[in-house]
Amino acid sequence: MRLGVLFFAIIYLGVTHLAFAQQPSSDGSGTAGDAFTFVRIQYDNTGGGLSDDWGWGQGGTWRIDYPDADFNFLRGVTRLTNIHINSSPAVLRLDDDRIFEYPFLYMLELGRNGGPKLTEKEIRNLREYLLRGGFLLIDDFWGTLEWDTFYQAFGKVFPDRPVIELDKDHQIFHCFYDIDGPQMIPAVWNFQNYAEQDVEQAHNRAVLDDDGRVMVLINWNSDIGDGWEHTYHPSYPTKYANLAYQLGVNYLIYAMTH
C-alpha cells in the first residue's frame, strides 16, 4: 500500500500533548505506528566531514539545526494541528530499511561540502521509498553553485524524471494554510532576509510520480529549519518563524494525504 494512504487517518486524530524527551532515541529508530515521527536523514558528504567556521567539526552537514529544529517542529505540529505525534524524532540513513515505516523524510544542506555521497543501496532504497508513496523534503541550500552540487548526486535517484517548478497555485501551498507560493525563510542573524547567494527568491521544485503526486519537494533558497530551530531566539523575526511552521505543516499534511 502507498505510505501516504496508510497514514491518511492520522490528520483526524485528536491533539495529544506528549512530554518531550531530552534527546532523540539513540538508535535513531523512532516509533512506527499511528503517530507521525519526524525522520531526519543522516548522510555522508562527498567532501568528508564538515569542518568550517560553523563549528560542526566532522559531523557532516546533515546535523545542522539538530536536534532543536526537529523537536520544535513537532511541538508546532501539536500546537497547530490535530495530528498525533511521536514526541521523539528519529535519525536514519537511506540504506536502513526502516525508512519504509515512515511517510515523511527530511534532509538539508545538500549543496555544501561536496554534496551528499549516496551509495548504490541508498539511491535504490530512496527511489523505491518514493515510488511506494513516501515523501522527501529537502531544505536549506542556496544559489546556483549549491544547486549544481546537490543535483550532481541527487539526479542519480530519478535520472528519467524532470525537476519541475511549483507555482503558487499548487495545492501544497493551500492544503492547510493559504500561502502565497514559495517563501524565503532566512537563517538566523539575517534580519533583512537578504539572499545568501546569487538567487534572490525562494523556489519550490519537485519530482512527481506518474500520478502527479509530489514525491520530492526541494526547498531551494530558503531555510525553514532555521525558522524551527530559532523559534525562541530573541533576535529571530517571529513572522519568519511562524511562516516556517505554516510551510512545514502544509508539506506534512500534503505528504500524509497523497
C-alpha atoms as a PDB file:
ATOM      1  CA  MET A   1       0.000   0.000   0.000  1.00  0.00           C
ATOM      2  CA  ARG A   2       1.116   3.559  -0.563  1.00  0.00           C
ATOM      3  CA  LEU A   3       2.669   5.131   2.521  1.00  0.00           C
ATOM      4  CA  GLY A   4       0.591   8.276   2.074  1.00  0.00           C
ATOM      5  CA  VAL A   5      -2.622   6.255   2.149  1.00  0.00           C
ATOM      6  CA  LEU A   6      -1.512   4.254   5.177  1.00  0.00           C
ATOM      7  CA  PHE A   7      -1.116   7.429   7.200  1.00  0.00           C
ATOM      8  CA  PHE A   8      -4.126   9.364   5.871  1.00  0.00           C
ATOM      9  CA  ALA A   9      -6.143   8.811   9.039  1.00  0.00           C
ATOM     10  CA  ILE A  10      -3.516  10.492  11.207  1.00  0.00           C
ATOM     11  CA  ILE A  11      -4.785  14.001  10.495  1.00  0.00           C
ATOM     12  CA  TYR A  12      -8.153  13.179  12.029  1.00  0.00           C
ATOM     13  CA  LEU A  13      -6.837  12.065  15.399  1.00  0.00           C
ATOM     14  CA  GLY A  14      -7.172  14.371  18.394  1.00  0.00           C
ATOM     15  CA  VAL A  15      -4.373  16.607  19.557  1.00  0.00           C
ATOM     16  CA  THR A  16      -2.223  14.743  22.060  1.00  0.00           C
ATOM     17  CA  HIS A  17       0.051  16.685  24.381  1.00  0.00           C
ATOM     18  CA  LEU A  18       3.074  14.494  24.936  1.00  0.00           C
ATOM     19  CA  ALA A  19       6.096  15.115  27.117  1.00  0.00           C
ATOM     20  CA  PHE A  20       9.184  15.720  25.003  1.00  0.00           C
ATOM     21  CA  ALA A  21      12.291  13.626  25.565  1.00  0.00           C
ATOM     22  CA  GLN A  22      15.541  15.499  26.000  1.00  0.00           C
ATOM     23  CA  GLN A  23      17.215  13.818  23.005  1.00  0.00           C
ATOM     24  CA  PRO A  24      16.113  11.625  20.083  1.00  0.00           C
ATOM     25  CA  SER A  25      16.338   7.879  20.607  1.00  0.00           C
ATOM     26  CA  SER A  26      19.964   6.792  20.424  1.00  0.00           C
ATOM     27  CA  ASP A  27      19.385   4.131  17.787  1.00  0.00           C
ATOM     28  CA  GLY A  28      17.517   6.579  15.566  1.00  0.00           C
ATOM     29  CA  SER A  29      14.562   4.248  15.195  1.00  0.00           C
ATOM     30  CA  GLY A  30      11.667   6.333  16.472  1.00  0.00           C
ATOM     31  CA  THR A  31       8.367   4.536  16.836  1.00  0.00           C
ATOM     32  CA  ALA A  32       6.356   3.440  13.829  1.00  0.00           C
ATOM     33  CA  GLY A  33       2.589   3.180  14.143  1.00  0.00           C
ATOM     34  CA  ASP A  34      -0.301   5.622  14.188  1.00  0.00           C
ATOM     35  CA  ALA A  35       1.797   8.647  15.210  1.00  0.00           C
ATOM     36  CA  PHE A  36       3.816  10.942  12.991  1.00  0.00           C
ATOM     37  CA  THR A  37       7.569  10.609  13.541  1.00  0.00           C
ATOM     38  CA  PHE A  38       9.877  13.301  12.245  1.00  0.00           C
ATOM     39  CA  VAL A  39      12.704  11.437  10.493  1.00  0.00           C
ATOM     40  CA  ARG A  40      15.918  13.273   9.653  1.00  0.00           C
ATOM     41  CA  ILE A  41      18.187  11.529   7.167  1.00  0.00           C
ATOM     42  CA  GLN A  42      21.856  11.138   8.007  1.00  0.00           C
ATOM     43  CA  TYR A  43      24.177  11.109   5.003  1.00  0.00           C
ATOM     44  CA  ASP A  44      27.873  11.338   4.183  1.00  0.00           C
ATOM     45  CA  ASN A  45      29.347  14.357   2.437  1.00  0.00           C
ATOM     46  CA  THR A  46      31.412  13.897  -0.692  1.00  0.00           C
ATOM     47  CA  GLY A  47      33.856  16.382   0.796  1.00  0.00           C
ATOM     48  CA  GLY A  48      34.062  14.471   4.080  1.00  0.00           C
ATOM     49  CA  GLY A  49      33.057  15.860   7.471  1.00  0.00           C
ATOM     50  CA  LEU A  50      32.007  19.478   7.746  1.00  0.00           C
ATOM     51  CA  SER A  51      34.974  21.429   9.064  1.00  0.00           C
ATOM     52  CA  ASP A  52      34.433  25.169   8.794  1.00  0.00           C
ATOM     53  CA  ASP A  53      33.600  28.224  10.854  1.00  0.00           C
ATOM     54  CA  TRP A  54      30.141  26.884  11.662  1.00  0.00           C
ATOM     55  CA  GLY A  55      31.749  24.734  14.329  1.00  0.00           C
ATOM     56  CA  TRP A  56      30.261  21.369  13.396  1.00  0.00           C
ATOM     57  CA  GLY A  57      33.612  19.573  13.375  1.00  0.00           C
ATOM     58  CA  GLN A  58      33.485  16.313  11.451  1.00  0.00           C
ATOM     59  CA  GLY A  59      29.746  15.759  11.996  1.00  0.00           C
ATOM     60  CA  GLY A  60      28.608  16.433   8.449  1.00  0.00           C
ATOM     61  CA  THR A  61      26.021  18.873   7.118  1.00  0.00           C
ATOM     62  CA  TRP A  62      23.080  16.568   7.921  1.00  0.00           C
ATOM     63  CA  ARG A  63      23.377  17.638  11.602  1.00  0.00           C
ATOM     64  CA  ILE A  64      22.808  21.365  11.064  1.00  0.00           C
ATOM     65  CA  ASP A  65      19.911  22.682  13.220  1.00  0.00           C
ATOM     66  CA  TYR A  66      19.783  19.304  15.006  1.00  0.00           C
ATOM     67  CA  PRO A  67      18.046  18.454  17.288  1.00  0.00           C
ATOM     68  CA  ASP A  68      16.276  21.722  18.205  1.00  0.00           C
ATOM     69  CA  ALA A  69      14.624  22.150  14.802  1.00  0.00           C
ATOM     70  CA  ASP A  70      13.207  18.621  14.933  1.00  0.00           C
ATOM     71  CA  PHE A  71      11.777  18.951  18.449  1.00  0.00           C
ATOM     72  CA  ASN A  72      10.386  22.429  17.825  1.00  0.00           C
ATOM     73  CA  PHE A  73       8.676  21.412  14.609  1.00  0.00           C
ATOM     74  CA  LEU A  74       6.967  18.543  16.427  1.00  0.00           C
ATOM     75  CA  ARG A  75       5.800  20.983  19.097  1.00  0.00           C
ATOM     76  CA  GLY A  76       4.410  23.172  16.322  1.00  0.00           C
ATOM     77  CA  VAL A  77       2.581  20.273  14.706  1.00  0.00           C
ATOM     78  CA  THR A  78       0.953  19.511  18.064  1.00  0.00           C
ATOM     79  CA  ARG A  79       0.029  23.154  18.658  1.00  0.00           C
ATOM     80  CA  LEU A  80      -1.318  23.897  15.194  1.00  0.00           C
ATOM     81  CA  THR A  81      -2.981  20.653  14.064  1.00  0.00           C
ATOM     82  CA  ASN A  82      -4.810  17.545  15.250  1.00  0.00           C
ATOM     83  CA  ILE A  83      -2.013  15.248  14.116  1.00  0.00           C
ATOM     84  CA  HIS A  84      -0.943  12.700  16.727  1.00  0.00           C
ATOM     85  CA  ILE A  85       2.854  12.789  17.051  1.00  0.00           C
ATOM     86  CA  ASN A  86       5.657  10.653  18.352  1.00  0.00           C
ATOM     87  CA  SER A  87       7.484  13.106  20.607  1.00  0.00           C
ATOM     88  CA  SER A  88      10.942  11.665  19.835  1.00  0.00           C
ATOM     89  CA  PRO A  89      12.283  12.482  16.368  1.00  0.00           C
ATOM     90  CA  ALA A  90      14.403   9.841  14.644  1.00  0.00           C
ATOM     91  CA  VAL A  91      17.619   9.805  12.632  1.00  0.00           C
ATOM     92  CA  LEU A  92      18.006   7.156   9.935  1.00  0.00           C
ATOM     93  CA  ARG A  93      20.186   6.514   6.915  1.00  0.00           C
ATOM     94  CA  LEU A  94      18.706   5.852   3.498  1.00  0.00           C
ATOM     95  CA  ASP A  95      20.170   2.349   3.395  1.00  0.00           C
ATOM     96  CA  ASP A  96      18.185   1.474   6.544  1.00  0.00           C
ATOM     97  CA  ASP A  97      15.005  -0.365   5.547  1.00  0.00           C
ATOM     98  CA  ARG A  98      13.190   1.213   8.483  1.00  0.00           C
ATOM     99  CA  ILE A  99      12.621   4.297   6.322  1.00  0.00           C
ATOM    100  CA  PHE A 100       9.742   2.362   4.724  1.00  0.00           C
ATOM    101  CA  GLU A 101       7.857   2.598   8.040  1.00  0.00           C
ATOM    102  CA  TYR A 102       7.583   6.393   7.835  1.00  0.00           C
ATOM    103  CA  PRO A 103       5.783   8.600   5.291  1.00  0.00           C
ATOM    104  CA  PHE A 104       7.930  11.751   5.643  1.00  0.00           C
ATOM    105  CA  LEU A 105      11.713  12.224   5.490  1.00  0.00           C
ATOM    106  CA  TYR A 106      13.761  15.395   5.918  1.00  0.00           C
ATOM    107  CA  MET A 107      17.189  16.265   4.505  1.00  0.00           C
ATOM    108  CA  LEU A 108      19.031  19.589   4.429  1.00  0.00           C
ATOM    109  CA  GLU A 109      22.197  21.379   3.288  1.00  0.00           C
ATOM    110  CA  LEU A 110      22.696  19.089   0.294  1.00  0.00           C
ATOM    111  CA  GLY A 111      24.636  21.706  -1.638  1.00  0.00           C
ATOM    112  CA  ARG A 112      27.512  22.200   0.807  1.00  0.00           C
ATOM    113  CA  ASN A 113      30.751  20.362   1.412  1.00  0.00           C
ATOM    114  CA  GLY A 114      30.685  18.463  -1.858  1.00  0.00           C
ATOM    115  CA  GLY A 115      27.036  17.476  -1.605  1.00  0.00           C
ATOM    116  CA  PRO A 116      25.686  14.102  -0.469  1.00  0.00           C
ATOM    117  CA  LYS A 117      27.713  10.970  -1.128  1.00  0.00           C
ATOM    118  CA  LEU A 118      24.986   8.400  -1.823  1.00  0.00           C
ATOM    119  CA  THR A 119      25.757   4.703  -2.145  1.00  0.00           C
ATOM    120  CA  GLU A 120      24.006   2.477  -4.660  1.00  0.00           C
ATOM    121  CA  LYS A 121      21.837   0.994  -1.912  1.00  0.00           C
ATOM    122  CA  GLU A 122      20.891   4.446  -0.629  1.00  0.00           C
ATOM    123  CA  ILE A 123      19.882   5.516  -4.135  1.00  0.00           C
ATOM    124  CA  ARG A 124      17.933   2.300  -4.680  1.00  0.00           C
ATOM    125  CA  ASN A 125      16.186   2.489  -1.302  1.00  0.00           C
ATOM    126  CA  LEU A 126      15.224   6.126  -1.745  1.00  0.00           C
ATOM    127  CA  ARG A 127      13.837   5.529  -5.228  1.00  0.00           C
ATOM    128  CA  GLU A 128      11.718   2.614  -4.016  1.00  0.00           C
ATOM    129  CA  TYR A 129      10.577   4.521  -0.931  1.00  0.00           C
ATOM    130  CA  LEU A 130       9.360   7.450  -3.018  1.00  0.00           C
ATOM    131  CA  LEU A 131       7.637   5.309  -5.634  1.00  0.00           C
ATOM    132  CA  ARG A 132       5.788   3.440  -2.873  1.00  0.00           C
ATOM    133  CA  GLY A 133       4.251   6.717  -1.712  1.00  0.00           C
ATOM    134  CA  GLY A 134       6.872   8.270   0.559  1.00  0.00           C
ATOM    135  CA  PHE A 135       7.672  11.983   0.675  1.00  0.00           C
ATOM    136  CA  LEU A 136      11.063  13.682   0.989  1.00  0.00           C
ATOM    137  CA  LEU A 137      11.519  17.326   1.989  1.00  0.00           C
ATOM    138  CA  ILE A 138      14.899  18.814   1.048  1.00  0.00           C
ATOM    139  CA  ASP A 139      15.655  22.112   2.784  1.00  0.00           C
ATOM    140  CA  ASP A 140      18.242  24.851   3.174  1.00  0.00           C
ATOM    141  CA  PHE A 141      20.601  25.249   0.288  1.00  0.00           C
ATOM    142  CA  TRP A 142      21.193  28.385  -1.741  1.00  0.00           C
ATOM    143  CA  GLY A 143      22.272  29.620  -5.152  1.00  0.00           C
ATOM    144  CA  THR A 144      23.185  28.012  -8.448  1.00  0.00           C
ATOM    145  CA  LEU A 145      26.512  26.563  -7.293  1.00  0.00           C
ATOM    146  CA  GLU A 146      24.883  24.673  -4.427  1.00  0.00           C
ATOM    147  CA  TRP A 147      22.065  23.573  -6.732  1.00  0.00           C
ATOM    148  CA  ASP A 148      24.571  22.094  -9.176  1.00  0.00           C
ATOM    149  CA  THR A 149      26.436  20.370  -6.337  1.00  0.00           C
ATOM    150  CA  PHE A 150      23.200  18.934  -4.968  1.00  0.00           C
ATOM    151  CA  TYR A 151      21.849  17.749  -8.304  1.00  0.00           C
ATOM    152  CA  GLN A 152      25.067  16.036  -9.350  1.00  0.00           C
ATOM    153  CA  ALA A 153      24.319  13.465  -6.643  1.00  0.00           C
ATOM    154  CA  PHE A 154      20.544  13.586  -6.376  1.00  0.00           C
ATOM    155  CA  GLY A 155      19.965  13.333 -10.112  1.00  0.00           C
ATOM    156  CA  LYS A 156      21.011   9.679  -9.872  1.00  0.00           C
ATOM    157  CA  VAL A 157      17.846   8.843  -7.915  1.00  0.00           C
ATOM    158  CA  PHE A 158      15.490   9.695 -10.790  1.00  0.00           C
ATOM    159  CA  PRO A 159      17.586  10.389 -13.898  1.00  0.00           C
ATOM    160  CA  ASP A 160      14.481   9.835 -16.056  1.00  0.00           C
ATOM    161  CA  ARG A 161      12.184  12.276 -14.232  1.00  0.00           C
ATOM    162  CA  PRO A 162      12.324  16.062 -14.593  1.00  0.00           C
ATOM    163  CA  VAL A 163      12.529  18.508 -11.729  1.00  0.00           C
ATOM    164  CA  ILE A 164       9.619  20.910 -12.118  1.00  0.00           C
ATOM    165  CA  GLU A 165       8.849  24.316 -10.636  1.00  0.00           C
ATOM    166  CA  LEU A 166       5.785  24.542  -8.390  1.00  0.00           C
ATOM    167  CA  ASP A 167       3.773  27.735  -8.806  1.00  0.00           C
ATOM    168  CA  LYS A 168       1.861  29.481  -6.056  1.00  0.00           C
ATOM    169  CA  ASP A 169      -1.425  27.828  -7.035  1.00  0.00           C
ATOM    170  CA  HIS A 170      -0.213  24.297  -6.344  1.00  0.00           C
ATOM    171  CA  GLN A 171      -2.300  22.570  -3.687  1.00  0.00           C
ATOM    172  CA  ILE A 172       0.734  22.043  -1.452  1.00  0.00           C
ATOM    173  CA  PHE A 173       0.519  25.755  -0.602  1.00  0.00           C
ATOM    174  CA  HIS A 174      -3.202  25.597   0.216  1.00  0.00           C
ATOM    175  CA  CYS A 175      -3.898  22.205   1.811  1.00  0.00           C
ATOM    176  CA  PHE A 176      -3.991  23.653   5.362  1.00  0.00           C
ATOM    177  CA  TYR A 177      -2.774  27.250   5.343  1.00  0.00           C
ATOM    178  CA  ASP A 178      -3.172  29.507   2.326  1.00  0.00           C
ATOM    179  CA  ILE A 179       0.378  30.543   1.492  1.00  0.00           C
ATOM    180  CA  ASP A 180       1.343  32.711  -1.450  1.00  0.00           C
ATOM    181  CA  GLY A 181       3.726  30.217  -3.010  1.00  0.00           C
ATOM    182  CA  PRO A 182       7.397  29.624  -2.118  1.00  0.00           C
ATOM    183  CA  GLN A 183       8.731  31.768   0.724  1.00  0.00           C
ATOM    184  CA  MET A 184      12.296  32.758   1.546  1.00  0.00           C
ATOM    185  CA  ILE A 185      12.868  31.957   5.219  1.00  0.00           C
ATOM    186  CA  PRO A 186      16.152  33.478   6.422  1.00  0.00           C
ATOM    187  CA  ALA A 187      18.920  31.991   8.509  1.00  0.00           C
ATOM    188  CA  VAL A 188      19.384  33.360  11.999  1.00  0.00           C
ATOM    189  CA  TRP A 189      21.048  36.810  12.079  1.00  0.00           C
ATOM    190  CA  ASN A 190      19.852  37.562   8.531  1.00  0.00           C
ATOM    191  CA  PHE A 191      17.369  40.120   9.850  1.00  0.00           C
ATOM    192  CA  GLN A 192      16.746  41.771   6.485  1.00  0.00           C
ATOM    193  CA  ASN A 193      16.226  38.424   4.727  1.00  0.00           C
ATOM    194  CA  TYR A 194      18.852  39.076   2.079  1.00  0.00           C
ATOM    195  CA  ALA A 195      19.510  36.331  -0.456  1.00  0.00           C
ATOM    196  CA  GLU A 196      22.513  34.317   0.680  1.00  0.00           C
ATOM    197  CA  GLN A 197      23.823  33.527  -2.810  1.00  0.00           C
ATOM    198  CA  ASP A 198      23.136  34.581  -6.402  1.00  0.00           C
ATOM    199  CA  VAL A 199      19.391  33.751  -6.483  1.00  0.00           C
ATOM    200  CA  GLU A 200      17.179  36.381  -4.901  1.00  0.00           C
ATOM    201  CA  GLN A 201      13.952  34.476  -4.347  1.00  0.00           C
ATOM    202  CA  ALA A 202      12.799  31.162  -2.959  1.00  0.00           C
ATOM    203  CA  HIS A 203      11.821  28.278  -5.215  1.00  0.00           C
ATOM    204  CA  ASN A 204       9.918  25.098  -4.517  1.00  0.00           C
ATOM    205  CA  ARG A 205      10.924  22.496  -7.049  1.00  0.00           C
ATOM    206  CA  ALA A 206       9.606  18.962  -7.151  1.00  0.00           C
ATOM    207  CA  VAL A 207       9.880  15.493  -8.607  1.00  0.00           C
ATOM    208  CA  LEU A 208       6.477  13.947  -9.341  1.00  0.00           C
ATOM    209  CA  ASP A 209       5.302  10.354  -9.622  1.00  0.00           C
ATOM    210  CA  ASP A 210       3.244   9.039 -12.529  1.00  0.00           C
ATOM    211  CA  ASP A 211       0.024  10.365 -10.953  1.00  0.00           C
ATOM    212  CA  GLY A 212       1.354  13.869 -10.468  1.00  0.00           C
ATOM    213  CA  ARG A 213       1.979  13.486  -6.735  1.00  0.00           C
ATOM    214  CA  VAL A 214       4.930  15.401  -5.285  1.00  0.00           C
ATOM    215  CA  MET A 215       7.427  12.762  -4.164  1.00  0.00           C
ATOM    216  CA  VAL A 216      10.341  15.119  -3.541  1.00  0.00           C
ATOM    217  CA  LEU A 217       9.887  18.741  -2.504  1.00  0.00           C
ATOM    218  CA  ILE A 218      13.030  20.830  -2.861  1.00  0.00           C
ATOM    219  CA  ASN A 219      13.002  23.978  -0.733  1.00  0.00           C
ATOM    220  CA  TRP A 220      15.681  25.988  -2.523  1.00  0.00           C
ATOM    221  CA  ASN A 221      16.884  29.424  -1.358  1.00  0.00           C
ATOM    222  CA  SER A 222      15.015  29.118   1.916  1.00  0.00           C
ATOM    223  CA  ASP A 223      15.775  27.745   5.377  1.00  0.00           C
ATOM    224  CA  ILE A 224      12.664  26.608   7.233  1.00  0.00           C
ATOM    225  CA  GLY A 225      14.901  24.555   9.533  1.00  0.00           C
ATOM    226  CA  ASP A 226      16.321  27.781  10.983  1.00  0.00           C
ATOM    227  CA  GLY A 227      12.785  29.060  11.460  1.00  0.00           C
ATOM    228  CA  TRP A 228      12.057  25.967  13.566  1.00  0.00           C
ATOM    229  CA  GLU A 229      15.383  25.883  15.385  1.00  0.00           C
ATOM    230  CA  HIS A 230      15.373  29.556  16.370  1.00  0.00           C
ATOM    231  CA  THR A 231      11.702  29.887  17.306  1.00  0.00           C
ATOM    232  CA  TYR A 232      12.663  31.146  20.760  1.00  0.00           C
ATOM    233  CA  HIS A 233      15.743  33.103  19.732  1.00  0.00           C
ATOM    234  CA  PRO A 234      15.224  36.744  20.781  1.00  0.00           C
ATOM    235  CA  SER A 235      16.751  38.056  17.556  1.00  0.00           C
ATOM    236  CA  TYR A 236      14.902  35.797  15.100  1.00  0.00           C
ATOM    237  CA  PRO A 237      11.897  37.557  13.490  1.00  0.00           C
ATOM    238  CA  THR A 238       8.659  35.970  14.672  1.00  0.00           C
ATOM    239  CA  LYS A 239       6.984  36.416  11.294  1.00  0.00           C
ATOM    240  CA  TYR A 240       9.543  34.144   9.633  1.00  0.00           C
ATOM    241  CA  ALA A 241       9.359  31.539  12.381  1.00  0.00           C
ATOM    242  CA  ASN A 242       5.563  31.455  12.026  1.00  0.00           C
ATOM    243  CA  LEU A 243       5.834  31.132   8.263  1.00  0.00           C
ATOM    244  CA  ALA A 244       8.328  28.275   8.633  1.00  0.00           C
ATOM    245  CA  TYR A 245       5.790  26.326  10.700  1.00  0.00           C
ATOM    246  CA  GLN A 246       2.973  27.058   8.273  1.00  0.00           C
ATOM    247  CA  LEU A 247       5.042  25.796   5.351  1.00  0.00           C
ATOM    248  CA  GLY A 248       6.157  22.717   7.283  1.00  0.00           C
ATOM    249  CA  VAL A 249       2.592  21.861   8.301  1.00  0.00           C
ATOM    250  CA  ASN A 250       1.384  22.227   4.717  1.00  0.00           C
ATOM    251  CA  TYR A 251       4.155  19.974   3.443  1.00  0.00           C
ATOM    252  CA  LEU A 252       3.394  17.397   6.116  1.00  0.00           C
ATOM    253  CA  ILE A 253      -0.347  17.307   5.523  1.00  0.00           C
ATOM    254  CA  TYR A 254       0.166  17.097   1.780  1.00  0.00           C
ATOM    255  CA  ALA A 255       2.550  14.170   2.311  1.00  0.00           C
ATOM    256  CA  MET A 256       0.116  12.321   4.550  1.00  0.00           C
ATOM    257  CA  THR A 257      -2.898  12.787   2.314  1.00  0.00           C
ATOM    258  CA  HIS A 258      -1.364  11.985  -1.052  1.00  0.00           C
END
